[in-house]
């Protein structure tokens, strides 16, 4: 599964407005940034208390892309 689709699937599973979830990919050489944007009302659901859910999403993406030569970073906008 592509990392963009993985982030989108995880975010849509958490929020109340799944249609507002957007993931854009920014290639910065050896690093690929996955920018996640959700509806303002759902921002707390994606970040979680003390950023635990956001860190869990980042850990899943890191694990899923460990075979890749590029580094994937998830940014929540």
PDB file of N, CA and C in Angstrom:
ATOM      1  N   UNK A   1       0.845  -1.179   0.000  1.00  0.00           N
ATOM      2  CA  UNK A   1       0.000   0.000   0.000  1.00  0.00           C
ATOM      3  C   UNK A   1       0.889   1.240   0.000  1.00  0.00           C
ATOM      4  N   UNK A   2       0.513   2.215  -0.782  1.00  0.00           N
ATOM      5  CA  UNK A   2       1.264   3.466  -0.830  1.00  0.00           C
ATOM      6  C   UNK A   2       1.109   4.203   0.500  1.00  0.00           C
ATOM      7  N   UNK A   3       2.161   4.875   0.929  1.00  0.00           N
ATOM      8  CA  UNK A   3       2.087   5.609   2.209  1.00  0.00           C
ATOM      9  C   UNK A   3       0.995   6.678   2.225  1.00  0.00           C
ATOM     10  N   UNK A   4       0.754   7.327   1.076  1.00  0.00           N
ATOM     11  CA  UNK A   4      -0.289   8.361   1.034  1.00  0.00           C
ATOM     12  C   UNK A   4      -1.656   7.747   1.320  1.00  0.00           C
ATOM     13  N   UNK A   5      -1.901   6.595   0.721  1.00  0.00           N
ATOM     14  CA  UNK A   5      -3.189   5.929   0.931  1.00  0.00           C
ATOM     15  C   UNK A   5      -3.327   5.413   2.360  1.00  0.00           C
ATOM     16  N   UNK A   6      -2.215   4.976   2.928  1.00  0.00           N
ATOM     17  CA  UNK A   6      -2.229   4.505   4.313  1.00  0.00           C
ATOM     18  C   UNK A   6      -2.593   5.630   5.269  1.00  0.00           C
ATOM     19  N   UNK A   7      -1.978   6.797   5.102  1.00  0.00           N
ATOM     20  CA  UNK A   7      -2.268   7.951   5.957  1.00  0.00           C
ATOM     21  C   UNK A   7      -3.721   8.385   5.780  1.00  0.00           C
ATOM     22  N   UNK A   8      -4.178   8.401   4.535  1.00  0.00           N
ATOM     23  CA  UNK A   8      -5.558   8.807   4.271  1.00  0.00           C
ATOM     24  C   UNK A   8      -6.543   7.832   4.915  1.00  0.00           C
ATOM     25  N   UNK A   9      -6.276   6.547   4.803  1.00  0.00           N
ATOM     26  CA  UNK A   9      -7.156   5.531   5.401  1.00  0.00           C
ATOM     27  C   UNK A   9      -7.201   5.674   6.930  1.00  0.00           C
ATOM     28  N   UNK A  10      -6.035   5.835   7.543  1.00  0.00           N
ATOM     29  CA  UNK A  10      -5.991   5.981   9.001  1.00  0.00           C
ATOM     30  C   UNK A  10      -6.738   7.231   9.450  1.00  0.00           C
ATOM     31  N   UNK A  11      -6.527   8.339   8.750  1.00  0.00           N
ATOM     32  CA  UNK A  11      -7.172   9.597   9.133  1.00  0.00           C
ATOM     33  C   UNK A  11      -8.684   9.514   8.930  1.00  0.00           C
ATOM     34  N   UNK A  12      -9.127   8.917   7.824  1.00  0.00           N
ATOM     35  CA  UNK A  12     -10.562   8.811   7.576  1.00  0.00           C
ATOM     36  C   UNK A  12     -11.245   7.922   8.608  1.00  0.00           C
ATOM     37  N   UNK A  13     -10.504   6.986   9.157  1.00  0.00           N
ATOM     38  CA  UNK A  13     -11.068   6.109  10.182  1.00  0.00           C
ATOM     39  C   UNK A  13     -11.284   6.843  11.506  1.00  0.00           C
ATOM     40  N   UNK A  14     -10.550   7.925  11.715  1.00  0.00           N
ATOM     41  CA  UNK A  14     -10.603   8.648  12.984  1.00  0.00           C
ATOM     42  C   UNK A  14     -11.603   9.804  13.006  1.00  0.00           C
ATOM     43  N   UNK A  15     -11.818  10.443  11.872  1.00  0.00           N
ATOM     44  CA  UNK A  15     -12.565  11.704  11.844  1.00  0.00           C
ATOM     45  C   UNK A  15     -14.049  11.488  11.597  1.00  0.00           C
ATOM     46  N   UNK A  16     -14.830  12.551  11.827  1.00  0.00           N
ATOM     47  CA  UNK A  16     -16.258  12.505  11.562  1.00  0.00           C
ATOM     48  C   UNK A  16     -16.592  12.988  10.159  1.00  0.00           C
ATOM     49  N   UNK A  17     -15.673  13.716   9.533  1.00  0.00           N
ATOM     50  CA  UNK A  17     -15.871  14.204   8.174  1.00  0.00           C
ATOM     51  C   UNK A  17     -14.797  13.608   7.266  1.00  0.00           C
ATOM     52  N   UNK A  18     -14.949  12.338   6.869  1.00  0.00           N
ATOM     53  CA  UNK A  18     -13.903  11.687   6.077  1.00  0.00           C
ATOM     54  C   UNK A  18     -13.690  12.290   4.697  1.00  0.00           C
ATOM     55  N   UNK A  19     -14.696  12.994   4.170  1.00  0.00           N
ATOM     56  CA  UNK A  19     -14.532  13.608   2.855  1.00  0.00           C
ATOM     57  C   UNK A  19     -13.578  14.791   2.886  1.00  0.00           C
ATOM     58  N   UNK A  20     -13.347  15.374   4.050  1.00  0.00           N
ATOM     59  CA  UNK A  20     -12.470  16.538   4.177  1.00  0.00           C
ATOM     60  C   UNK A  20     -10.998  16.157   4.322  1.00  0.00           C
ATOM     61  N   UNK A  21     -10.700  14.872   4.425  1.00  0.00           N
ATOM     62  CA  UNK A  21      -9.313  14.422   4.593  1.00  0.00           C
ATOM     63  C   UNK A  21      -8.584  14.514   3.262  1.00  0.00           C
ATOM     64  N   UNK A  22      -7.428  15.189   3.274  1.00  0.00           N
ATOM     65  CA  UNK A  22      -6.604  15.313   2.069  1.00  0.00           C
ATOM     66  C   UNK A  22      -5.154  15.053   2.435  1.00  0.00           C
ATOM     67  N   UNK A  23      -4.479  14.293   1.593  1.00  0.00           N
ATOM     68  CA  UNK A  23      -3.062  14.008   1.784  1.00  0.00           C
ATOM     69  C   UNK A  23      -2.335  14.439   0.519  1.00  0.00           C
ATOM     70  N   UNK A  24      -1.380  15.346   0.674  1.00  0.00           N
ATOM     71  CA  UNK A  24      -0.566  15.769  -0.463  1.00  0.00           C
ATOM     72  C   UNK A  24       0.868  15.330  -0.223  1.00  0.00           C
ATOM     73  N   UNK A  25       1.558  15.037  -1.302  1.00  0.00           N
ATOM     74  CA  UNK A  25       2.926  14.548  -1.232  1.00  0.00           C
ATOM     75  C   UNK A  25       3.872  15.625  -1.735  1.00  0.00           C
ATOM     76  N   UNK A  26       4.900  15.924  -0.949  1.00  0.00           N
ATOM     77  CA  UNK A  26       5.917  16.897  -1.330  1.00  0.00           C
ATOM     78  C   UNK A  26       7.259  16.179  -1.322  1.00  0.00           C
ATOM     79  N   UNK A  27       7.910  16.132  -2.474  1.00  0.00           N
ATOM     80  CA  UNK A  27       9.197  15.453  -2.599  1.00  0.00           C
ATOM     81  C   UNK A  27      10.313  16.461  -2.349  1.00  0.00           C
ATOM     82  N   UNK A  28      11.131  16.196  -1.339  1.00  0.00           N
ATOM     83  CA  UNK A  28      12.245  17.084  -0.993  1.00  0.00           C
ATOM     84  C   UNK A  28      13.558  16.313  -1.068  1.00  0.00           C
ATOM     85  N   UNK A  29      13.811  15.697  -2.212  1.00  0.00           N
ATOM     86  CA  UNK A  29      15.057  14.951  -2.373  1.00  0.00           C
ATOM     87  C   UNK A  29      14.969  13.583  -1.734  1.00  0.00           C
ATOM     88  N   UNK A  30      15.707  13.385  -0.664  1.00  0.00           N
ATOM     89  CA  UNK A  30      15.720  12.087   0.020  1.00  0.00           C
ATOM     90  C   UNK A  30      14.571  11.931   1.005  1.00  0.00           C
ATOM     91  N   UNK A  31      13.813  12.993   1.206  1.00  0.00           N
ATOM     92  CA  UNK A  31      12.693  12.970   2.142  1.00  0.00           C
ATOM     93  C   UNK A  31      11.396  13.261   1.400  1.00  0.00           C
ATOM     94  N   UNK A  32      10.374  12.506   1.722  1.00  0.00           N
ATOM     95  CA  UNK A  32       9.044  12.755   1.167  1.00  0.00           C
ATOM     96  C   UNK A  32       8.135  13.149   2.315  1.00  0.00           C
ATOM     97  N   UNK A  33       7.521  14.324   2.194  1.00  0.00           N
ATOM     98  CA  UNK A  33       6.645  14.844   3.238  1.00  0.00           C
ATOM     99  C   UNK A  33       5.202  14.572   2.833  1.00  0.00           C
ATOM    100  N   UNK A  34       4.471  13.903   3.707  1.00  0.00           N
ATOM    101  CA  UNK A  34       3.052  13.657   3.510  1.00  0.00           C
ATOM    102  C   UNK A  34       2.291  14.662   4.360  1.00  0.00           C
ATOM    103  N   UNK A  35       1.636  15.623   3.698  1.00  0.00           N
ATOM    104  CA  UNK A  35       0.922  16.674   4.406  1.00  0.00           C
ATOM    105  C   UNK A  35      -0.539  16.267   4.552  1.00  0.00           C
ATOM    106  N   UNK A  36      -0.967  16.103   5.785  1.00  0.00           N
ATOM    107  CA  UNK A  36      -2.330  15.679   6.093  1.00  0.00           C
ATOM    108  C   UNK A  36      -3.144  16.881   6.538  1.00  0.00           C
ATOM    109  N   UNK A  37      -4.283  17.096   5.880  1.00  0.00           N
ATOM    110  CA  UNK A  37      -5.184  18.163   6.314  1.00  0.00           C
ATOM    111  C   UNK A  37      -6.576  17.564   6.522  1.00  0.00           C
ATOM    112  N   UNK A  38      -7.210  17.991   7.604  1.00  0.00           N
ATOM    113  CA  UNK A  38      -8.558  17.531   7.952  1.00  0.00           C
ATOM    114  C   UNK A  38      -9.404  18.746   8.278  1.00  0.00           C
ATOM    115  N   UNK A  39     -10.681  18.537   8.485  1.00  0.00           N
ATOM    116  CA  UNK A  39     -11.581  19.620   8.877  1.00  0.00           C
ATOM    117  C   UNK A  39     -11.148  20.159  10.244  1.00  0.00           C
ATOM    118  N   UNK A  40     -11.325  21.457  10.473  1.00  0.00           N
ATOM    119  CA  UNK A  40     -10.912  22.037  11.758  1.00  0.00           C
ATOM    120  C   UNK A  40     -11.528  21.359  12.977  1.00  0.00           C
ATOM    121  N   UNK A  41     -12.760  20.888  12.860  1.00  0.00           N
ATOM    122  CA  UNK A  41     -13.417  20.217  13.988  1.00  0.00           C
ATOM    123  C   UNK A  41     -12.788  18.869  14.300  1.00  0.00           C
ATOM    124  N   UNK A  42     -12.145  18.252  13.323  1.00  0.00           N
ATOM    125  CA  UNK A  42     -11.560  16.925  13.499  1.00  0.00           C
ATOM    126  C   UNK A  42     -10.074  16.961  13.846  1.00  0.00           C
ATOM    127  N   UNK A  43      -9.500  18.129  13.943  1.00  0.00           N
ATOM    128  CA  UNK A  43      -8.059  18.235  14.202  1.00  0.00           C
ATOM    129  C   UNK A  43      -7.664  17.555  15.508  1.00  0.00           C
ATOM    130  N   UNK A  44      -8.454  17.716  16.543  1.00  0.00           N
ATOM    131  CA  UNK A  44      -8.158  17.095  17.834  1.00  0.00           C
ATOM    132  C   UNK A  44      -8.205  15.582  17.782  1.00  0.00           C
ATOM    133  N   UNK A  45      -9.065  15.041  16.950  1.00  0.00           N
ATOM    134  CA  UNK A  45      -9.166  13.593  16.815  1.00  0.00           C
ATOM    135  C   UNK A  45      -7.926  13.005  16.151  1.00  0.00           C
ATOM    136  N   UNK A  46      -7.348  13.745  15.228  1.00  0.00           N
ATOM    137  CA  UNK A  46      -6.165  13.250  14.515  1.00  0.00           C
ATOM    138  C   UNK A  46      -4.903  13.430  15.364  1.00  0.00           C
ATOM    139  N   UNK A  47      -4.848  14.495  16.136  1.00  0.00           N
ATOM    140  CA  UNK A  47      -3.657  14.746  16.951  1.00  0.00           C
ATOM    141  C   UNK A  47      -3.705  13.921  18.239  1.00  0.00           C
ATOM    142  N   UNK A  48      -4.840  13.903  18.900  1.00  0.00           N
ATOM    143  CA  UNK A  48      -4.970  13.123  20.132  1.00  0.00           C
ATOM    144  C   UNK A  48      -4.381  13.838  21.329  1.00  0.00           C
ATOM    145  N   UNK A  49      -4.563  13.251  22.483  1.00  0.00           N
ATOM    146  CA  UNK A  49      -4.025  13.851  23.712  1.00  0.00           C
ATOM    147  C   UNK A  49      -2.514  13.751  23.704  1.00  0.00           C
ATOM    148  N   UNK A  50      -1.892  14.888  23.898  1.00  0.00           N
ATOM    149  CA  UNK A  50      -0.433  15.000  23.928  1.00  0.00           C
ATOM    150  C   UNK A  50       0.210  14.454  22.652  1.00  0.00           C
ATOM    151  N   UNK A  51      -0.551  14.457  21.541  1.00  0.00           N
ATOM    152  CA  UNK A  51      -0.011  14.042  20.254  1.00  0.00           C
ATOM    153  C   UNK A  51       0.169  12.550  20.088  1.00  0.00           C
ATOM    154  N   UNK A  52      -0.493  11.771  20.901  1.00  0.00           N
ATOM    155  CA  UNK A  52      -0.294  10.316  20.856  1.00  0.00           C
ATOM    156  C   UNK A  52      -0.780   9.690  19.559  1.00  0.00           C
ATOM    157  N   UNK A  53      -1.938  10.124  19.064  1.00  0.00           N
ATOM    158  CA  UNK A  53      -2.454   9.546  17.823  1.00  0.00           C
ATOM    159  C   UNK A  53      -1.582   9.976  16.642  1.00  0.00           C
ATOM    160  N   UNK A  54      -1.166  11.238  16.627  1.00  0.00           N
ATOM    161  CA  UNK A  54      -0.281  11.716  15.559  1.00  0.00           C
ATOM    162  C   UNK A  54       1.024  10.931  15.561  1.00  0.00           C
ATOM    163  N   UNK A  55       1.581  10.687  16.727  1.00  0.00           N
ATOM    164  CA  UNK A  55       2.811   9.900  16.820  1.00  0.00           C
ATOM    165  C   UNK A  55       2.586   8.462  16.383  1.00  0.00           C
ATOM    166  N   UNK A  56       1.418   7.917  16.673  1.00  0.00           N
ATOM    167  CA  UNK A  56       1.115   6.550  16.247  1.00  0.00           C
ATOM    168  C   UNK A  56       1.008   6.471  14.728  1.00  0.00           C
ATOM    169  N   UNK A  57       0.385   7.468  14.102  1.00  0.00           N
ATOM    170  CA  UNK A  57       0.307   7.502  12.638  1.00  0.00           C
ATOM    171  C   UNK A  57       1.700   7.575  12.041  1.00  0.00           C
ATOM    172  N   UNK A  58       2.550   8.422  12.621  1.00  0.00           N
ATOM    173  CA  UNK A  58       3.928   8.545  12.127  1.00  0.00           C
ATOM    174  C   UNK A  58       4.693   7.227  12.286  1.00  0.00           C
ATOM    175  N   UNK A  59       4.466   6.528  13.397  1.00  0.00           N
ATOM    176  CA  UNK A  59       5.155   5.252  13.625  1.00  0.00           C
ATOM    177  C   UNK A  59       4.707   4.193  12.622  1.00  0.00           C
ATOM    178  N   UNK A  60       3.423   4.159  12.305  1.00  0.00           N
ATOM    179  CA  UNK A  60       2.919   3.194  11.327  1.00  0.00           C
ATOM    180  C   UNK A  60       3.503   3.478   9.953  1.00  0.00           C
ATOM    181  N   UNK A  61       3.556   4.738   9.570  1.00  0.00           N
ATOM    182  CA  UNK A  61       4.125   5.104   8.267  1.00  0.00           C
ATOM    183  C   UNK A  61       5.610   4.777   8.231  1.00  0.00           C
ATOM    184  N   UNK A  62       6.309   5.049   9.312  1.00  0.00           N
ATOM    185  CA  UNK A  62       7.741   4.742   9.367  1.00  0.00           C
ATOM    186  C   UNK A  62       7.982   3.242   9.223  1.00  0.00           C
ATOM    187  N   UNK A  63       7.165   2.456   9.885  1.00  0.00           N
ATOM    188  CA  UNK A  63       7.296   1.008   9.806  1.00  0.00           C
ATOM    189  C   UNK A  63       6.953   0.497   8.409  1.00  0.00           C
ATOM    190  N   UNK A  64       5.912   1.057   7.799  1.00  0.00           N
ATOM    191  CA  UNK A  64       5.478   0.608   6.477  1.00  0.00           C
ATOM    192  C   UNK A  64       6.473   0.983   5.384  1.00  0.00           C
ATOM    193  N   UNK A  65       7.254   2.034   5.606  1.00  0.00           N
ATOM    194  CA  UNK A  65       8.195   2.493   4.583  1.00  0.00           C
ATOM    195  C   UNK A  65       9.640   2.186   4.946  1.00  0.00           C
ATOM    196  N   UNK A  66       9.861   1.279   5.861  1.00  0.00           N
ATOM    197  CA  UNK A  66      11.234   1.000   6.303  1.00  0.00           C
ATOM    198  C   UNK A  66      12.084   0.390   5.191  1.00  0.00           C
ATOM    199  N   UNK A  67      11.465  -0.259   4.223  1.00  0.00           N
ATOM    200  CA  UNK A  67      12.223  -0.846   3.120  1.00  0.00           C
ATOM    201  C   UNK A  67      12.597   0.177   2.057  1.00  0.00           C
ATOM    202  N   UNK A  68      11.973   1.330   2.092  1.00  0.00           N
ATOM    203  CA  UNK A  68      12.199   2.357   1.083  1.00  0.00           C
ATOM    204  C   UNK A  68      13.533   3.066   1.306  1.00  0.00           C
ATOM    205  N   UNK A  69      14.088   3.542   0.239  1.00  0.00           N
ATOM    206  CA  UNK A  69      15.346   4.299   0.326  1.00  0.00           C
ATOM    207  C   UNK A  69      15.100   5.742   0.786  1.00  0.00           C
ATOM    208  N   UNK A  70      13.880   6.185   0.664  1.00  0.00           N
ATOM    209  CA  UNK A  70      13.538   7.552   1.061  1.00  0.00           C
ATOM    210  C   UNK A  70      12.911   7.558   2.448  1.00  0.00           C
ATOM    211  N   UNK A  71      13.035   8.692   3.108  1.00  0.00           N
ATOM    212  CA  UNK A  71      12.452   8.877   4.435  1.00  0.00           C
ATOM    213  C   UNK A  71      11.097   9.561   4.273  1.00  0.00           C
ATOM    214  N   UNK A  72      10.081   9.022   4.930  1.00  0.00           N
ATOM    215  CA  UNK A  72       8.744   9.590   4.874  1.00  0.00           C
ATOM    216  C   UNK A  72       8.438  10.295   6.190  1.00  0.00           C
ATOM    217  N   UNK A  73       7.908  11.517   6.075  1.00  0.00           N
ATOM    218  CA  UNK A  73       7.557  12.330   7.229  1.00  0.00           C
ATOM    219  C   UNK A  73       6.091  12.742   7.094  1.00  0.00           C
ATOM    220  N   UNK A  74       5.335  12.629   8.178  1.00  0.00           N
ATOM    221  CA  UNK A  74       3.930  13.029   8.175  1.00  0.00           C
ATOM    222  C   UNK A  74       3.805  14.358   8.905  1.00  0.00           C
ATOM    223  N   UNK A  75       3.263  15.353   8.192  1.00  0.00           N
ATOM    224  CA  UNK A  75       2.985  16.661   8.785  1.00  0.00           C
ATOM    225  C   UNK A  75       1.478  16.866   8.805  1.00  0.00           C
ATOM    226  N   UNK A  76       0.959  17.312   9.929  1.00  0.00           N
ATOM    227  CA  UNK A  76      -0.465  17.594  10.053  1.00  0.00           C
ATOM    228  C   UNK A  76      -0.644  19.097   9.974  1.00  0.00           C
ATOM    229  N   UNK A  77      -1.380  19.536   8.963  1.00  0.00           N
ATOM    230  CA  UNK A  77      -1.547  20.981   8.730  1.00  0.00           C
ATOM    231  C   UNK A  77      -2.757  21.517   9.439  1.00  0.00           C
TER     232      UNK A  77
END
